Protein backbone atom coordinates (compact mmCIF):
# COMPACT_ATOMS: atom_id res chain seq x y z
CA UNK A 1 -156.86 44.14 -36.42
CA UNK A 2 -153.86 45.13 -33.56
CA UNK A 3 -150.10 44.09 -34.10
CA UNK A 4 -148.56 42.35 -32.00
CA UNK A 5 -144.59 40.87 -30.43
CA UNK A 6 -144.13 38.05 -28.90
CA UNK A 7 -142.56 38.68 -25.16
CA UNK A 8 -141.64 36.48 -22.35
CA UNK A 9 -143.72 38.05 -19.77
CA UNK A 10 -144.41 37.43 -15.86
CA UNK A 11 -147.60 35.21 -15.50
CA UNK A 12 -150.85 36.36 -14.95
CA UNK A 13 -151.45 34.72 -12.00
CA UNK A 14 -151.03 36.18 -8.63
CA UNK A 15 -151.48 34.99 -4.88
CA UNK A 16 -151.65 37.40 -2.12
CA UNK A 17 -149.15 36.96 1.07
CA UNK A 18 -148.77 39.09 4.47
CA UNK A 19 -149.53 42.45 2.07
CA UNK A 20 -146.40 41.67 -0.60
CA UNK A 21 -147.71 39.45 -3.76
CA UNK A 22 -146.06 37.01 -4.70
CA UNK A 23 -144.93 35.73 -8.09
CA UNK A 24 -143.89 32.42 -10.25
CA UNK A 25 -139.97 33.02 -11.34
CA UNK A 26 -141.64 32.18 -14.03
CA UNK A 27 -141.88 33.57 -17.53
CA UNK A 28 -144.47 32.72 -20.33
CA UNK A 29 -144.44 33.54 -24.16
CA UNK A 30 -147.12 35.30 -25.02
CA UNK A 31 -148.12 37.89 -27.66
CA UNK A 32 -148.05 41.03 -26.14
CA UNK A 33 -150.39 44.43 -28.07
CA UNK A 34 -147.66 46.50 -29.33
CA UNK A 35 -149.41 49.78 -28.87
CA UNK A 36 -150.26 49.16 -25.68
CA UNK A 37 -146.31 48.80 -24.09
CA UNK A 38 -145.40 51.37 -26.03
CA UNK A 39 -147.45 53.32 -23.69
CA UNK A 40 -146.81 51.67 -20.45
CA UNK A 41 -143.26 52.49 -21.63
CA UNK A 42 -143.66 56.12 -22.22
CA UNK A 43 -145.93 56.28 -19.14
CA UNK A 44 -143.26 54.81 -17.44
CA UNK A 45 -140.47 57.37 -19.37
CA UNK A 46 -142.36 60.72 -18.25
CA UNK A 47 -142.44 59.51 -14.42
CA UNK A 48 -138.93 58.77 -14.50
CA UNK A 49 -138.15 62.22 -15.84
CA UNK A 50 -140.40 64.28 -13.30
CA UNK A 51 -139.05 61.91 -11.03
CA UNK A 52 -134.90 62.65 -12.46
CA UNK A 53 -135.43 66.57 -13.17
CA UNK A 54 -134.51 68.32 -10.27
CA UNK A 55 -130.27 69.84 -10.55
CA UNK A 56 -128.18 68.91 -7.80
CA UNK A 57 -127.37 72.34 -5.97
CA UNK A 58 -123.21 70.76 -5.49
CA UNK A 59 -123.66 71.74 -10.02
CA UNK A 60 -124.12 67.91 -10.84
CA UNK A 61 -126.73 66.89 -13.34
CA UNK A 62 -128.43 63.22 -14.31
CA UNK A 63 -127.14 61.95 -17.61
CA UNK A 64 -128.28 58.49 -17.14
CA UNK A 65 -130.73 56.00 -15.41
CA UNK A 66 -131.02 51.85 -15.89
CA UNK A 67 -134.10 50.63 -14.27
CA UNK A 68 -135.43 46.60 -15.40
CA UNK A 69 -138.86 46.54 -16.01
CA UNK A 70 -140.97 43.89 -16.04
CA UNK A 71 -143.60 43.48 -19.42
CA UNK A 72 -147.45 41.72 -18.44
CA UNK A 73 -149.02 39.87 -21.14
CA UNK A 74 -151.51 42.82 -21.37
CA UNK A 75 -148.89 45.07 -21.93
CA UNK A 76 -147.98 46.98 -18.88
CA UNK A 77 -144.84 47.93 -17.77
CA UNK A 78 -143.50 46.92 -14.16
CA UNK A 79 -140.12 48.13 -12.53
CA UNK A 80 -138.72 44.46 -10.95
CA UNK A 81 -138.08 44.64 -7.84
CA UNK A 82 -141.39 46.32 -6.73
CA UNK A 83 -143.49 44.30 -4.57
CA UNK A 84 -142.89 41.00 -5.75
CA UNK A 85 -140.07 39.12 -3.14
CA UNK A 86 -137.34 38.05 -2.69
CA UNK A 87 -136.13 39.35 -6.39
CA UNK A 88 -133.22 41.64 -6.27
CA UNK A 89 -133.08 44.54 -9.40
CA UNK A 90 -130.61 48.08 -9.22
CA UNK A 91 -131.42 51.40 -10.15
CA UNK A 92 -127.90 53.29 -12.17
CA UNK A 93 -127.71 56.54 -11.01
CA UNK A 94 -125.10 58.04 -13.51
CA UNK A 95 -124.42 61.81 -12.70
CA UNK A 96 -122.24 64.46 -14.80
CA UNK A 97 -121.36 68.01 -13.22
CA UNK A 98 -123.28 70.83 -15.01
């Protein structure tokens, strides 16, 4: 039996409008598979590490990255604001001298 965790997730229904995915803004309570969620978050972590791995020529290095994610009922994760009409999201980057 799979381990699950209760989480507020994005609703599964989506509609296609002018090339963008429109979703309801209301979250629903669902049982999310812990192993699938863990794998999805690890994949996102690796992708973000690859994206921000480069060192700036001026001697600065990235110290922290903060992102918002949306969890699906299937255990997937999506960066908030991607393909969501009208959504606002921020990625916060903190640099320090190397």
